[in-house]
Amino acid sequence: MLAVLAGGPMTPREVLEHLGGDLAYTTVMTTLARLHEKGAATRQSTGRTFSYALADGPSVRARAMRRTLDAAPDREQVLARFLDELDPDDVPLLRRLLRQGKGR
């Protein structure tokens, strides 16, 4: 279903038509909603329904990193190991992003 969304935002009905109609409309809606919940797709209200589109790559990766961190029994250890393995050239970038993010 993600491949279908690669062409741009689509409603569940449009996705169903593109897939050929072998699936139930509710199956398509449920799948799109789950993709949205997992961060793989974005959605925007379009009248009485939603239009779904692929989430951008950085957003998908950031959510995956966040899920990994949330699942860790010891967040501090995971973050410490991440910093240990960070490329030294990325340290100034991370510092800058942390400073900018404090206002969020």
N, C-alpha and C. Protein backbone atom coordinates (compact mmCIF):
# COMPACT_ATOMS: atom_id res chain seq x y z
N MET A 1 0.82 -1.19 0.00
CA MET A 1 0.00 0.00 0.00
C MET A 1 0.86 1.26 0.00
N LEU A 2 2.05 1.18 0.61
CA LEU A 2 2.93 2.34 0.60
C LEU A 2 3.33 2.72 -0.81
N ALA A 3 3.52 1.73 -1.66
CA ALA A 3 3.90 2.02 -3.04
C ALA A 3 2.81 2.82 -3.75
N VAL A 4 1.57 2.56 -3.42
CA VAL A 4 0.46 3.29 -4.03
C VAL A 4 0.52 4.76 -3.63
N LEU A 5 0.88 5.02 -2.37
CA LEU A 5 0.93 6.39 -1.87
C LEU A 5 2.13 7.17 -2.42
N ALA A 6 3.07 6.48 -3.04
CA ALA A 6 4.25 7.15 -3.58
C ALA A 6 3.89 8.15 -4.67
N GLY A 7 2.73 7.98 -5.27
CA GLY A 7 2.29 8.89 -6.32
C GLY A 7 1.71 10.19 -5.81
N GLY A 8 1.55 10.32 -4.51
CA GLY A 8 0.99 11.53 -3.93
C GLY A 8 -0.20 11.19 -3.06
N PRO A 9 -0.77 12.21 -2.40
CA PRO A 9 -1.88 11.99 -1.48
C PRO A 9 -3.08 11.34 -2.16
N MET A 10 -3.70 10.39 -1.44
CA MET A 10 -4.87 9.69 -1.97
C MET A 10 -5.86 9.43 -0.84
N THR A 11 -7.13 9.43 -1.19
CA THR A 11 -8.17 9.04 -0.24
C THR A 11 -8.22 7.51 -0.19
N PRO A 12 -8.85 6.95 0.83
CA PRO A 12 -9.00 5.49 0.86
C PRO A 12 -9.69 4.95 -0.39
N ARG A 13 -10.69 5.64 -0.89
CA ARG A 13 -11.40 5.20 -2.10
C ARG A 13 -10.44 5.16 -3.29
N GLU A 14 -9.59 6.18 -3.42
CA GLU A 14 -8.63 6.21 -4.53
C GLU A 14 -7.61 5.08 -4.40
N VAL A 15 -7.18 4.81 -3.18
CA VAL A 15 -6.25 3.70 -2.95
C VAL A 15 -6.91 2.39 -3.35
N LEU A 16 -8.15 2.20 -2.92
CA LEU A 16 -8.89 0.98 -3.25
C LEU A 16 -9.01 0.81 -4.76
N GLU A 17 -9.36 1.88 -5.46
CA GLU A 17 -9.49 1.81 -6.92
C GLU A 17 -8.15 1.49 -7.57
N HIS A 18 -7.08 2.09 -7.04
CA HIS A 18 -5.75 1.84 -7.60
C HIS A 18 -5.31 0.39 -7.40
N LEU A 19 -5.72 -0.19 -6.27
CA LEU A 19 -5.35 -1.58 -5.97
C LEU A 19 -6.20 -2.59 -6.74
N GLY A 20 -7.25 -2.13 -7.36
CA GLY A 20 -8.05 -3.04 -8.17
C GLY A 20 -9.32 -3.53 -7.51
N GLY A 21 -9.61 -3.12 -6.31
CA GLY A 21 -10.89 -3.45 -5.69
C GLY A 21 -11.00 -4.81 -5.06
N ASP A 22 -9.92 -5.58 -4.94
CA ASP A 22 -10.01 -6.91 -4.31
C ASP A 22 -10.16 -6.83 -2.79
N LEU A 23 -9.84 -5.70 -2.23
CA LEU A 23 -9.94 -5.52 -0.78
C LEU A 23 -11.22 -4.80 -0.41
N ALA A 24 -11.64 -4.99 0.83
CA ALA A 24 -12.80 -4.25 1.33
C ALA A 24 -12.37 -2.82 1.64
N TYR A 25 -13.28 -1.90 1.47
CA TYR A 25 -13.01 -0.49 1.76
C TYR A 25 -12.54 -0.33 3.21
N THR A 26 -13.17 -1.03 4.13
CA THR A 26 -12.79 -0.91 5.54
C THR A 26 -11.37 -1.43 5.79
N THR A 27 -10.95 -2.43 5.04
CA THR A 27 -9.59 -2.95 5.16
C THR A 27 -8.58 -1.89 4.74
N VAL A 28 -8.88 -1.20 3.65
CA VAL A 28 -8.00 -0.13 3.17
C VAL A 28 -7.96 1.00 4.21
N MET A 29 -9.12 1.38 4.74
CA MET A 29 -9.16 2.44 5.74
C MET A 29 -8.36 2.06 6.98
N THR A 30 -8.53 0.84 7.45
CA THR A 30 -7.81 0.38 8.64
C THR A 30 -6.31 0.36 8.40
N THR A 31 -5.90 -0.13 7.24
CA THR A 31 -4.48 -0.19 6.92
C THR A 31 -3.88 1.21 6.84
N LEU A 32 -4.57 2.13 6.20
CA LEU A 32 -4.08 3.51 6.11
C LEU A 32 -4.00 4.15 7.50
N ALA A 33 -5.00 3.91 8.33
CA ALA A 33 -4.98 4.46 9.68
C ALA A 33 -3.79 3.90 10.47
N ARG A 34 -3.51 2.63 10.31
CA ARG A 34 -2.37 2.03 11.02
C ARG A 34 -1.04 2.57 10.49
N LEU A 35 -0.94 2.77 9.20
CA LEU A 35 0.27 3.36 8.65
C LEU A 35 0.48 4.76 9.21
N HIS A 36 -0.61 5.49 9.38
CA HIS A 36 -0.54 6.83 9.97
C HIS A 36 -0.10 6.75 11.43
N GLU A 37 -0.68 5.84 12.19
CA GLU A 37 -0.33 5.67 13.60
C GLU A 37 1.15 5.31 13.77
N LYS A 38 1.69 4.55 12.84
CA LYS A 38 3.09 4.13 12.92
C LYS A 38 4.04 5.17 12.34
N GLY A 39 3.50 6.23 11.78
CA GLY A 39 4.34 7.29 11.25
C GLY A 39 4.81 7.08 9.83
N ALA A 40 4.34 6.05 9.16
CA ALA A 40 4.76 5.78 7.79
C ALA A 40 3.98 6.61 6.78
N ALA A 41 2.83 7.13 7.20
CA ALA A 41 2.00 7.94 6.31
C ALA A 41 1.48 9.15 7.09
N THR A 42 1.27 10.22 6.36
CA THR A 42 0.65 11.40 6.93
C THR A 42 -0.80 11.44 6.44
N ARG A 43 -1.63 12.20 7.13
CA ARG A 43 -3.00 12.34 6.64
C ARG A 43 -3.47 13.76 6.86
N GLN A 44 -4.38 14.16 5.98
CA GLN A 44 -4.95 15.49 6.02
C GLN A 44 -6.44 15.38 5.76
N SER A 45 -7.20 16.14 6.50
CA SER A 45 -8.65 16.12 6.32
C SER A 45 -9.00 16.65 4.94
N THR A 46 -9.85 15.89 4.26
CA THR A 46 -10.32 16.25 2.93
C THR A 46 -11.83 16.11 2.93
N GLY A 47 -12.51 17.12 3.42
CA GLY A 47 -13.96 17.02 3.53
C GLY A 47 -14.35 16.02 4.61
N ARG A 48 -15.08 14.98 4.22
CA ARG A 48 -15.56 13.98 5.18
C ARG A 48 -14.59 12.81 5.34
N THR A 49 -13.47 12.86 4.65
CA THR A 49 -12.51 11.76 4.73
C THR A 49 -11.11 12.34 4.90
N PHE A 50 -10.11 11.48 4.83
CA PHE A 50 -8.72 11.90 4.91
C PHE A 50 -8.03 11.55 3.60
N SER A 51 -7.00 12.33 3.28
CA SER A 51 -6.07 11.98 2.22
C SER A 51 -4.78 11.55 2.89
N TYR A 52 -4.23 10.45 2.43
CA TYR A 52 -3.01 9.90 3.00
C TYR A 52 -1.86 10.05 2.03
N ALA A 53 -0.66 10.29 2.56
CA ALA A 53 0.54 10.40 1.75
C ALA A 53 1.68 9.75 2.51
N LEU A 54 2.73 9.40 1.80
CA LEU A 54 3.91 8.84 2.45
C LEU A 54 4.54 9.89 3.35
N ALA A 55 4.97 9.47 4.53
CA ALA A 55 5.74 10.36 5.39
C ALA A 55 7.13 10.47 4.81
N ASP A 56 7.77 11.61 5.04
CA ASP A 56 9.13 11.77 4.52
C ASP A 56 10.10 10.87 5.28
N GLY A 57 11.18 10.51 4.63
CA GLY A 57 12.17 9.59 5.19
C GLY A 57 12.70 9.99 6.55
N PRO A 58 13.11 11.26 6.75
CA PRO A 58 13.61 11.64 8.07
C PRO A 58 12.57 11.46 9.19
N SER A 59 11.32 11.71 8.90
CA SER A 59 10.28 11.53 9.92
C SER A 59 10.11 10.07 10.29
N VAL A 60 10.15 9.20 9.29
CA VAL A 60 10.01 7.77 9.54
C VAL A 60 11.18 7.27 10.39
N ARG A 61 12.39 7.69 10.04
CA ARG A 61 13.57 7.26 10.81
C ARG A 61 13.55 7.81 12.22
N ALA A 62 13.13 9.05 12.38
CA ALA A 62 13.06 9.66 13.71
C ALA A 62 12.06 8.92 14.60
N ARG A 63 10.92 8.56 14.04
CA ARG A 63 9.94 7.80 14.82
C ARG A 63 10.47 6.43 15.20
N ALA A 64 11.22 5.79 14.30
CA ALA A 64 11.81 4.48 14.62
C ALA A 64 12.83 4.63 15.75
N MET A 65 13.61 5.68 15.71
CA MET A 65 14.57 5.92 16.79
C MET A 65 13.83 6.15 18.11
N ARG A 66 12.77 6.91 18.05
CA ARG A 66 11.99 7.20 19.26
C ARG A 66 11.36 5.93 19.82
N ARG A 67 10.82 5.07 18.96
CA ARG A 67 10.23 3.81 19.43
C ARG A 67 11.29 2.93 20.09
N THR A 68 12.49 2.90 19.50
CA THR A 68 13.58 2.12 20.08
C THR A 68 13.93 2.65 21.46
N LEU A 69 14.03 3.95 21.57
CA LEU A 69 14.35 4.57 22.86
C LEU A 69 13.24 4.32 23.88
N ASP A 70 11.99 4.44 23.45
CA ASP A 70 10.87 4.23 24.37
C ASP A 70 10.79 2.79 24.86
N ALA A 71 11.25 1.85 24.05
CA ALA A 71 11.18 0.43 24.42
C ALA A 71 12.35 0.01 25.32
N ALA A 72 13.35 0.85 25.45
CA ALA A 72 14.54 0.49 26.22
C ALA A 72 14.25 0.55 27.72
N PRO A 73 14.71 -0.45 28.47
CA PRO A 73 14.51 -0.42 29.91
C PRO A 73 15.36 0.66 30.60
N ASP A 74 16.47 1.06 29.97
CA ASP A 74 17.35 2.08 30.55
C ASP A 74 17.69 3.11 29.47
N ARG A 75 16.88 4.15 29.39
CA ARG A 75 17.05 5.18 28.36
C ARG A 75 18.43 5.81 28.42
N GLU A 76 18.92 6.05 29.63
CA GLU A 76 20.21 6.70 29.78
C GLU A 76 21.32 5.87 29.14
N GLN A 77 21.28 4.56 29.35
CA GLN A 77 22.29 3.69 28.76
C GLN A 77 22.21 3.69 27.23
N VAL A 78 21.00 3.67 26.70
CA VAL A 78 20.85 3.68 25.25
C VAL A 78 21.39 4.98 24.67
N LEU A 79 21.04 6.10 25.30
CA LEU A 79 21.53 7.39 24.81
C LEU A 79 23.05 7.49 24.94
N ALA A 80 23.59 6.98 26.04
CA ALA A 80 25.04 7.00 26.24
C ALA A 80 25.74 6.20 25.16
N ARG A 81 25.21 5.03 24.84
CA ARG A 81 25.82 4.19 23.80
C ARG A 81 25.70 4.85 22.43
N PHE A 82 24.57 5.50 22.21
CA PHE A 82 24.38 6.22 20.95
C PHE A 82 25.45 7.30 20.81
N LEU A 83 25.67 8.06 21.87
CA LEU A 83 26.68 9.12 21.82
C LEU A 83 28.08 8.54 21.63
N ASP A 84 28.34 7.41 22.26
CA ASP A 84 29.66 6.76 22.11
C ASP A 84 29.92 6.38 20.65
N GLU A 85 28.87 6.01 19.93
CA GLU A 85 29.02 5.54 18.56
C GLU A 85 28.80 6.63 17.51
N LEU A 86 28.48 7.83 17.98
CA LEU A 86 28.22 8.94 17.07
C LEU A 86 29.51 9.38 16.39
N ASP A 87 29.43 9.65 15.11
CA ASP A 87 30.58 10.15 14.36
C ASP A 87 30.98 11.50 14.96
N PRO A 88 32.26 11.72 15.23
CA PRO A 88 32.70 12.99 15.83
C PRO A 88 32.27 14.22 15.04
N ASP A 89 32.14 14.09 13.73
CA ASP A 89 31.69 15.22 12.92
C ASP A 89 30.23 15.59 13.18
N ASP A 90 29.46 14.65 13.75
CA ASP A 90 28.05 14.89 14.03
C ASP A 90 27.81 15.56 15.38
N VAL A 91 28.82 15.58 16.24
CA VAL A 91 28.66 16.14 17.59
C VAL A 91 28.28 17.62 17.54
N PRO A 92 28.98 18.47 16.78
CA PRO A 92 28.57 19.88 16.73
C PRO A 92 27.14 20.06 16.19
N LEU A 93 26.78 19.24 15.23
CA LEU A 93 25.42 19.30 14.69
C LEU A 93 24.40 18.94 15.75
N LEU A 94 24.66 17.88 16.50
CA LEU A 94 23.74 17.47 17.56
C LEU A 94 23.63 18.55 18.63
N ARG A 95 24.75 19.15 19.00
CA ARG A 95 24.72 20.24 20.00
C ARG A 95 23.86 21.40 19.51
N ARG A 96 24.04 21.77 18.24
CA ARG A 96 23.26 22.88 17.68
C ARG A 96 21.77 22.54 17.68
N LEU A 97 21.44 21.33 17.28
CA LEU A 97 20.03 20.93 17.24
C LEU A 97 19.43 20.89 18.64
N LEU A 98 20.20 20.45 19.63
CA LEU A 98 19.71 20.44 21.01
C LEU A 98 19.46 21.85 21.52
N ARG A 99 20.35 22.78 21.19
CA ARG A 99 20.14 24.17 21.60
C ARG A 99 18.88 24.74 20.95
N GLN A 100 18.70 24.47 19.66
CA GLN A 100 17.52 24.97 18.95
C GLN A 100 16.25 24.34 19.47
N GLY A 101 16.32 23.10 19.87
CA GLY A 101 15.14 22.36 20.30
C GLY A 101 14.65 22.71 21.68
N LYS A 102 15.45 23.43 22.46
CA LYS A 102 15.03 23.75 23.83
C LYS A 102 13.78 24.59 23.88
N GLY A 103 13.50 25.35 22.83
CA GLY A 103 12.31 26.19 22.81
C GLY A 103 11.06 25.45 22.39
N ARG A 104 11.18 24.20 22.00
CA ARG A 104 10.02 23.44 21.52
C ARG A 104 9.16 22.95 22.63
